C-alpha cells in the first residue's frame, strides 16, 4: 500500500521516514537531525491569533508573500497583546530553541530586534530575541537591496533566531507557548515554525591539538581573531596536529589578512551551539574588495563549529558584508556537523569531498553548491562530491545545487559522480529547493524537498549559456512538496527542461502549486517510472509546447486532481515522443 504524504507529521520537514511504494521499494526521506521542527500552524491558537495559509489551487501570487516563504505553506500571525500559539514539546529535555519568524523592518531599512515571550506550562520562562536586521530585502530597489523606500519588491521575510532555553531543560509533553505581551513591541510576529533540541555539553579538546586561544584568539568577541586563528592553523599544518576551537564567539573581520585557509588541517570545535566563528565586517567596509570565506583545501576537515556573519544582503566582497561561508578545492576534504547562517553559498569543488550532517540557514545565495568552478582548474574538477544528511532552510538561491560549467572558453571538464543523498531542503526565498544542473553519473536520492517560494521544487536542467549538459542522472526516492512559486507562471513541482538521459523514478510530488511534473526544452531521453503525483493545482504531468526529445512513462500514479485538471497533457504537437504503459491515468 502506498501511503499518502498526510501520513507523515504535518510539514514533514525533519522527520526521517520510510516511504514504501507499491513495488515494495523503500527509501529513507530527508535528513536525520538532532532537532525536531514543529510547524506553527499545527499549534493551538490563543487570544485571537490567526493562521495564514496558501491554499493549493488558488492563484499563485505574482510577488513574494509570507505564506509562500513559510515552511509548510503557512504561519501564525500574532498582532496584538495576549495573542499566542502553543504546542506540546516533542523533545525530551529540550534546552535549545530556534524560532523561525518574521518581524517588521524599520521604516528606513536596517531592521530591528524585538522580543517574544516564551512560556512553559503557563509560566514565563524568558523573552526570545527575534531579528529583522538580516531579513527584509527589496528586489530591484533603485537604491540598495536594504532600502524599503527604493521601489523594490519585499522578500526574504523570515529569520532563524537561535537561543538557549534558560533554566531547567523542558520535559517532553510540556506545553510551550509563544505569546505577544505588552513588553513585546513588534507590530507583528509571523511565527513560521520552531526547532527544539536537547543539546549536550560542549565537547572536550582533542589530545595533542593546538588551541586557537593559545595563539591569541579572543573567545569574548572583543577583538579580531583572524591572524591568531590563521597562525594556529599554519603551525598545526607544520607540526601535523589538529586545531581546536573552544567555546566562544570569535570575531573575524578579515580586512587585513583575508579569509582563513584551512588546507591540510583538521579543525574541530566544541559544537555548533558553543564554538562560533563570526564574520564582523565593518559596514560599509573601509576598503573594497575584501574576502573572508573559510577555505578548505586537500585533506582539510572542518567540524563541530558554527559560522555566522553580519551581512545584510548579497554582494560578495562588497558593501553589504557578504561573502561565501565555506569554499573548497582539492581532494578529500570533509565538512561535518557545521552550521552556517547569514553567509553566501557554500561553494564547494574539488574531488572526493563531502559535506554532511550540517545545516545552512538564511543564506544570501545557494545553501550548498557543488560545482567544477568557473574555469579549467585541476583542483576544481567537481569529481565524486557528496552532499549527505544536511538541512537547509531559507536560502537566497537554490537550497542545494550541483552545477557543471564548461566555462567561458568551453574547456572546463564535466562533473562526474555527484551524490545528493537524504537532505532536507526547506523554503528558499529565491530559486529552487533542489537543482540538478549538468554533470554525469549524478545520483539524487532520498531528499525531502519543500516550499520553494519563487521557482520549482526540483529543477533538472543545465545552467546558463556555459552550462555542461546533464549527461546522466538518477533521481529516485525523493519527496517534493509545494513546489512552484511567484517568479513567473512556468514554475512547478518538478521541472525537467534539459537532459541527455535522466531516470526519474519512485518519487512523490505533492501539493504542487501548478503542474506536478513539467517537461520542456530539450530532453533527449527521460525514463519516468513509479512516481506518485498527489494533489497538484494543475495537470499531473505536462509536456510543454515545443518540447523536444522523448520520454517513457511507466507505472506512474496521479491522484487527487482538482476539477477539470488532467492527469496527463501533451502540448508538444508531435515534437516530443511519448511511450506509456501501466500508468494510473
Foldseek 3Di string as FASTA:
>chain_A
DFDDPPVAPQLNFADFDWGAFPVGDTFTFFFHAQKDKDWQVVWDKWDPKDKDFDDFQPDFALAFDPQLLFRSSIWIKAADATIKTKDFAADAQWFKKKWKKFFDADQFFQKDWWWWWKDWLRHTFDTFIAICRQAWFFPPFPPGRRGPPRPGGTFRGIDIGIDTGPDTGHGGGIMMMTGHHPRGPTSMMTTTMMITHNDDFFDDDDPPAAELVVQPWDQAPPDASFVSQQVSLVVCQVVVHAYEFEFGETEHQQQVPAAHENEQHEYEYRAAVGGEYEHEHPAQHPDPQGHHEYEYEANYEYARYEYEYSFRADDDSGRRREHAHYEYWAEDYEYARYEYEAYAEHEYFFEHYEYANYEYEHHREEPYEYEQDQAADNRGQQEQYEYYSYEYGAHQEAPYEYAYFCHPVNPRDAYENYEYYNHRFYRHRYYEPYEYAGHENYEYANYEFESDAAAESYEYYHDPDGTHAREEYEHEHHEFEAWDHSHDRPGWNYEYATHAEYEYEHYEFESISEERYEYAHEHAEYEYESYEYEEHSAEPYEYDACYAHEYEYEQYEYDDYDPPHYNYYYNHVPRYYYHYDNYHD
